[in-house]
Amino acid sequence: MLVRLLYASRAIDTNICDTVQSIMQTSRSHNPQNGITGVLCHTDTVFMQVLEGGRDAVNQLYSHILKDTRHNDVILLDYEEITERRYGGWTMGQVNMSKLNPSMLLKYSPLPILNPHDMPGKMLLALIDELMATASIIGRS
């Protein structure tokens, strides 16, 4: 059974570039052997990540993420059984939301900044789908 999980968190370290690079490197080595795909979106202060894969593998990874000291204020925004993957082309895609055109965020948010802790999960998934459609996600592998 496949599931999709979306969560958000707040970065602890102000050096977000190193943290993102570390997450991406770990994801790209860990995820293929565990059948996990997804996308990591971030600003200078916030992470938002979608994970897809088998229920046990995704739940186990999320349990590990909850204990990760690089972030706090982790919130589960959406969790659902799925019939197919949306992000099957990415062991872990990446989007720096700070570099997006603010008008794209305004379609889904009251302000042109990413604040996933105050947004519905389905709306955030729609935003990520648009990012995918506009080729804003990097790191296809």
Protein backbone atom coordinates (compact mmCIF):
# COMPACT_ATOMS: atom_id res chain seq x y z
CA MET A 1 0.00 0.00 0.00
CA LEU A 2 1.31 3.42 -1.00
CA VAL A 3 0.89 6.52 1.17
CA ARG A 4 1.69 10.21 0.83
CA LEU A 5 2.70 12.25 3.87
CA LEU A 6 3.14 16.03 4.06
CA TYR A 7 4.68 17.75 7.06
CA ALA A 8 6.17 21.12 7.90
CA SER A 9 8.73 22.24 10.47
CA ARG A 10 10.83 25.21 11.47
CA ALA A 11 14.59 25.24 10.96
CA ILE A 12 16.81 25.47 14.04
CA ASP A 13 20.05 26.47 12.33
CA THR A 14 20.35 29.80 10.53
CA ASN A 15 22.69 28.20 7.99
CA ILE A 16 19.84 26.64 6.03
CA CYS A 17 21.99 25.86 2.96
CA ASP A 18 24.11 23.34 4.87
CA THR A 19 21.04 21.78 6.46
CA VAL A 20 19.23 21.43 3.12
CA GLN A 21 22.33 19.97 1.49
CA SER A 22 22.64 17.43 4.30
CA ILE A 23 18.97 16.44 4.05
CA MET A 24 19.21 16.07 0.27
CA GLN A 25 22.37 13.97 0.46
CA THR A 26 20.86 11.65 3.08
CA SER A 27 17.58 11.40 1.14
CA ARG A 28 19.26 10.52 -2.11
CA SER A 29 21.26 7.71 -0.50
CA HIS A 30 18.50 6.36 1.80
CA ASN A 31 15.30 6.77 -0.22
CA PRO A 32 15.91 4.60 -3.32
CA GLN A 33 16.58 1.44 -1.32
CA ASN A 34 13.45 2.09 0.75
CA GLY A 35 11.16 3.00 -2.15
CA ILE A 36 10.61 6.56 -0.97
CA THR A 37 10.13 9.52 -3.30
CA GLY A 38 9.20 13.10 -2.60
CA VAL A 39 9.96 16.80 -2.53
CA LEU A 40 11.59 19.10 0.03
CA CYS A 41 10.46 22.73 -0.06
CA HIS A 42 12.16 25.32 2.13
CA THR A 43 12.68 28.97 2.90
CA ASP A 44 15.34 30.38 5.23
CA THR A 45 13.24 29.35 8.24
CA VAL A 46 10.72 26.69 7.21
CA PHE A 47 10.78 23.17 5.80
CA MET A 48 7.89 21.44 4.07
CA GLN A 49 8.34 17.91 2.77
CA VAL A 50 6.23 15.38 0.92
CA LEU A 51 7.14 11.70 1.27
CA GLU A 52 5.65 8.90 -0.81
CA GLY A 53 6.16 5.18 -0.58
CA GLY A 54 5.07 2.08 1.25
CA ARG A 55 3.24 2.78 4.49
CA ASP A 56 5.82 1.12 6.74
CA ALA A 57 8.78 2.85 5.06
CA VAL A 58 7.15 6.30 5.13
CA ASN A 59 6.00 5.91 8.74
CA GLN A 60 9.45 4.75 9.81
CA LEU A 61 11.12 7.71 8.05
CA TYR A 62 8.63 10.17 9.55
CA SER A 63 9.33 8.76 13.01
CA HIS A 64 13.04 9.43 12.39
CA ILE A 65 12.26 12.95 11.12
CA LEU A 66 10.36 13.75 14.32
CA LYS A 67 13.55 13.12 16.30
CA ASP A 68 15.81 15.14 13.97
CA THR A 69 17.41 18.01 15.91
CA ARG A 70 17.85 20.21 12.82
CA HIS A 71 14.25 21.38 13.14
CA ASN A 72 11.37 21.75 15.56
CA ASP A 73 7.65 22.52 15.55
CA VAL A 74 7.01 19.53 13.26
CA ILE A 75 3.37 19.36 12.17
CA LEU A 76 1.66 16.66 10.11
CA LEU A 77 -0.37 18.43 7.43
CA ASP A 78 -1.67 15.55 5.31
CA TYR A 79 -1.49 11.76 5.25
CA GLU A 80 -3.37 9.60 2.79
CA GLU A 81 -3.39 6.28 1.01
CA ILE A 82 -2.68 6.78 -2.70
CA THR A 83 -3.07 4.71 -5.84
CA GLU A 84 -0.06 6.24 -7.59
CA ARG A 85 2.88 8.50 -6.86
CA ARG A 86 2.99 12.15 -7.91
CA TYR A 87 6.73 12.52 -7.31
CA GLY A 88 8.01 9.18 -8.60
CA GLY A 89 10.78 10.91 -10.58
CA TRP A 90 12.50 12.29 -7.50
CA THR A 91 14.34 10.37 -4.79
CA MET A 92 14.01 13.83 -3.24
CA GLY A 93 13.25 16.91 -5.32
CA GLN A 94 14.02 20.35 -3.96
CA VAL A 95 12.43 23.81 -4.14
CA ASN A 96 13.79 26.98 -2.57
CA MET A 97 10.50 28.75 -1.96
CA SER A 98 12.29 32.04 -1.22
CA LYS A 99 13.19 32.29 -4.92
CA LEU A 100 9.66 31.86 -6.25
CA ASN A 101 7.59 34.59 -7.80
CA PRO A 102 5.40 35.89 -4.92
CA SER A 103 2.34 35.78 -7.17
CA MET A 104 2.48 31.98 -7.18
CA LEU A 105 2.31 31.87 -3.39
CA LEU A 106 -0.53 34.42 -3.39
CA LYS A 107 -2.69 31.94 -5.32
CA TYR A 108 -2.62 29.66 -2.27
CA SER A 109 -1.82 31.91 0.69
CA PRO A 110 -3.08 35.20 2.14
CA LEU A 111 0.50 36.55 2.06
CA PRO A 112 3.29 36.03 -0.48
CA ILE A 113 5.36 34.03 2.01
CA LEU A 114 5.36 30.34 2.79
CA ASN A 115 3.78 29.68 6.18
CA PRO A 116 2.72 26.01 6.05
CA HIS A 117 1.83 25.94 9.74
CA ASP A 118 -1.18 28.14 8.94
CA MET A 119 -2.24 26.55 5.64
CA PRO A 120 -4.35 23.49 4.84
CA GLY A 121 -2.40 20.44 3.68
CA LYS A 122 -4.46 20.00 0.50
CA MET A 123 -3.73 23.60 -0.49
CA LEU A 124 0.00 23.04 0.03
CA LEU A 125 -0.13 19.88 -2.09
CA ALA A 126 -1.83 21.92 -4.84
CA LEU A 127 1.00 24.47 -4.59
CA ILE A 128 3.60 21.70 -4.89
CA ASP A 129 1.73 20.29 -7.90
CA GLU A 130 1.94 23.72 -9.56
CA LEU A 131 5.65 23.90 -8.76
CA MET A 132 6.06 20.54 -10.46
CA ALA A 133 4.06 21.70 -13.50
CA THR A 134 6.19 24.84 -13.85
CA ALA A 135 9.47 22.92 -13.48
CA SER A 136 10.35 24.69 -10.24
CA ILE A 137 11.38 21.41 -8.61
CA ILE A 138 15.03 20.50 -9.12
CA GLY A 139 16.92 17.31 -8.54
CA ARG A 140 15.13 14.76 -10.71
CA SER A 141 16.86 11.41 -10.38
